[in-house]
Amino acid sequence: MSDDQDNKPLSLWEMLQSVFSAALGVQSGKNRARDFSRGKPSHFIILGVLFTVLFVLVIFGVVQLVLHLAGV
């Protein structure tokens, strides 16, 4: 990598990929090192909380749909 890219902050897409990978437990060591060197903790915390809320809402919606289709 060039010196210019080492100091460049992470893009939203890179942060989203890291949050999804971390949620699944498949984050590579290379990307984890990149996140710690170029990312801001506050951005990852906000995205992690948003991902968690969205995940819970999707699971809740799926359960409600299944219960509705089952006639319960």
C-alpha atoms as a PDB file:
ATOM      1  CA  MET A   1       0.000   0.000   0.000  1.00  0.00           C
ATOM      2  CA  SER A   2       1.108   3.507  -0.578  1.00  0.00           C
ATOM      3  CA  ASP A   3       1.708   5.961   2.256  1.00  0.00           C
ATOM      4  CA  ASP A   4      -1.291   7.986   1.047  1.00  0.00           C
ATOM      5  CA  GLN A   5      -3.673   5.053   1.517  1.00  0.00           C
ATOM      6  CA  ASP A   6      -2.264   4.179   4.957  1.00  0.00           C
ATOM      7  CA  ASN A   7      -3.486   7.517   6.362  1.00  0.00           C
ATOM      8  CA  LYS A   8      -6.772   7.670   4.447  1.00  0.00           C
ATOM      9  CA  PRO A   9      -9.825   7.144   6.686  1.00  0.00           C
ATOM     10  CA  LEU A  10     -12.021   4.132   6.026  1.00  0.00           C
ATOM     11  CA  SER A  11     -14.915   4.547   3.651  1.00  0.00           C
ATOM     12  CA  LEU A  12     -18.461   3.778   4.751  1.00  0.00           C
ATOM     13  CA  TRP A  13     -18.417   0.635   2.613  1.00  0.00           C
ATOM     14  CA  GLU A  14     -15.193  -0.608   4.283  1.00  0.00           C
ATOM     15  CA  MET A  15     -16.664   0.029   7.726  1.00  0.00           C
ATOM     16  CA  LEU A  16     -19.904  -1.788   6.840  1.00  0.00           C
ATOM     17  CA  GLN A  17     -17.923  -4.771   5.559  1.00  0.00           C
ATOM     18  CA  SER A  18     -15.947  -4.847   8.798  1.00  0.00           C
ATOM     19  CA  VAL A  19     -19.076  -4.674  10.957  1.00  0.00           C
ATOM     20  CA  PHE A  20     -20.770  -7.490   9.004  1.00  0.00           C
ATOM     21  CA  SER A  21     -17.616  -9.608   9.081  1.00  0.00           C
ATOM     22  CA  ALA A  22     -17.193  -9.046  12.802  1.00  0.00           C
ATOM     23  CA  ALA A  23     -20.844  -9.955  13.432  1.00  0.00           C
ATOM     24  CA  LEU A  24     -20.336 -13.241  11.601  1.00  0.00           C
ATOM     25  CA  GLY A  25     -16.939 -13.833  13.229  1.00  0.00           C
ATOM     26  CA  VAL A  26     -15.013 -14.045   9.973  1.00  0.00           C
ATOM     27  CA  GLN A  27     -12.954 -10.823  10.102  1.00  0.00           C
ATOM     28  CA  SER A  28      -9.456 -11.341   8.699  1.00  0.00           C
ATOM     29  CA  GLY A  29      -6.401 -10.260  10.641  1.00  0.00           C
ATOM     30  CA  LYS A  30      -5.368  -7.924   7.833  1.00  0.00           C
ATOM     31  CA  ASN A  31      -8.711  -6.095   7.866  1.00  0.00           C
ATOM     32  CA  ARG A  32      -8.774  -5.995  11.659  1.00  0.00           C
ATOM     33  CA  ALA A  33      -5.341  -4.325  11.681  1.00  0.00           C
ATOM     34  CA  ARG A  34      -6.576  -1.875   9.020  1.00  0.00           C
ATOM     35  CA  ASP A  35      -9.624  -1.051  11.122  1.00  0.00           C
ATOM     36  CA  PHE A  36      -7.557  -0.338  14.230  1.00  0.00           C
ATOM     37  CA  SER A  37      -5.058   1.813  12.368  1.00  0.00           C
ATOM     38  CA  ARG A  38      -7.405   3.813  10.100  1.00  0.00           C
ATOM     39  CA  GLY A  39     -10.865   3.579  11.680  1.00  0.00           C
ATOM     40  CA  LYS A  40     -12.519   5.596  14.420  1.00  0.00           C
ATOM     41  CA  PRO A  41     -13.984   3.615  17.317  1.00  0.00           C
ATOM     42  CA  SER A  42     -17.069   5.826  17.496  1.00  0.00           C
ATOM     43  CA  HIS A  43     -17.970   5.008  13.897  1.00  0.00           C
ATOM     44  CA  PHE A  44     -17.716   1.269  14.539  1.00  0.00           C
ATOM     45  CA  ILE A  45     -19.759   1.551  17.748  1.00  0.00           C
ATOM     46  CA  ILE A  46     -22.540   3.458  15.974  1.00  0.00           C
ATOM     47  CA  LEU A  47     -22.597   1.027  13.036  1.00  0.00           C
ATOM     48  CA  GLY A  48     -22.506  -1.958  15.408  1.00  0.00           C
ATOM     49  CA  VAL A  49     -25.468  -0.657  17.407  1.00  0.00           C
ATOM     50  CA  LEU A  50     -27.422   0.100  14.216  1.00  0.00           C
ATOM     51  CA  PHE A  51     -26.636  -3.359  12.831  1.00  0.00           C
ATOM     52  CA  THR A  52     -27.771  -4.994  16.088  1.00  0.00           C
ATOM     53  CA  VAL A  53     -31.051  -3.043  16.172  1.00  0.00           C
ATOM     54  CA  LEU A  54     -31.726  -3.849  12.511  1.00  0.00           C
ATOM     55  CA  PHE A  55     -30.925  -7.527  13.088  1.00  0.00           C
ATOM     56  CA  VAL A  56     -33.296  -7.736  16.068  1.00  0.00           C
ATOM     57  CA  LEU A  57     -36.071  -5.994  14.120  1.00  0.00           C
ATOM     58  CA  VAL A  58     -35.670  -8.367  11.170  1.00  0.00           C
ATOM     59  CA  ILE A  59     -35.788 -11.421  13.449  1.00  0.00           C
ATOM     60  CA  PHE A  60     -38.859  -9.994  15.212  1.00  0.00           C
ATOM     61  CA  GLY A  61     -40.541  -9.380  11.849  1.00  0.00           C
ATOM     62  CA  VAL A  62     -39.806 -12.907  10.630  1.00  0.00           C
ATOM     63  CA  VAL A  63     -41.215 -14.400  13.832  1.00  0.00           C
ATOM     64  CA  GLN A  64     -44.348 -12.258  13.550  1.00  0.00           C
ATOM     65  CA  LEU A  65     -44.796 -13.320   9.928  1.00  0.00           C
ATOM     66  CA  VAL A  66     -44.411 -17.002  10.754  1.00  0.00           C
ATOM     67  CA  LEU A  67     -46.852 -16.730  13.651  1.00  0.00           C
ATOM     68  CA  HIS A  68     -49.355 -14.916  11.435  1.00  0.00           C
ATOM     69  CA  LEU A  69     -49.075 -17.521   8.682  1.00  0.00           C
ATOM     70  CA  ALA A  70     -49.435 -20.293  11.253  1.00  0.00           C
ATOM     71  CA  GLY A  71     -52.669 -18.753  12.494  1.00  0.00           C
ATOM     72  CA  VAL A  72     -51.456 -18.122  16.026  1.00  0.00           C
END
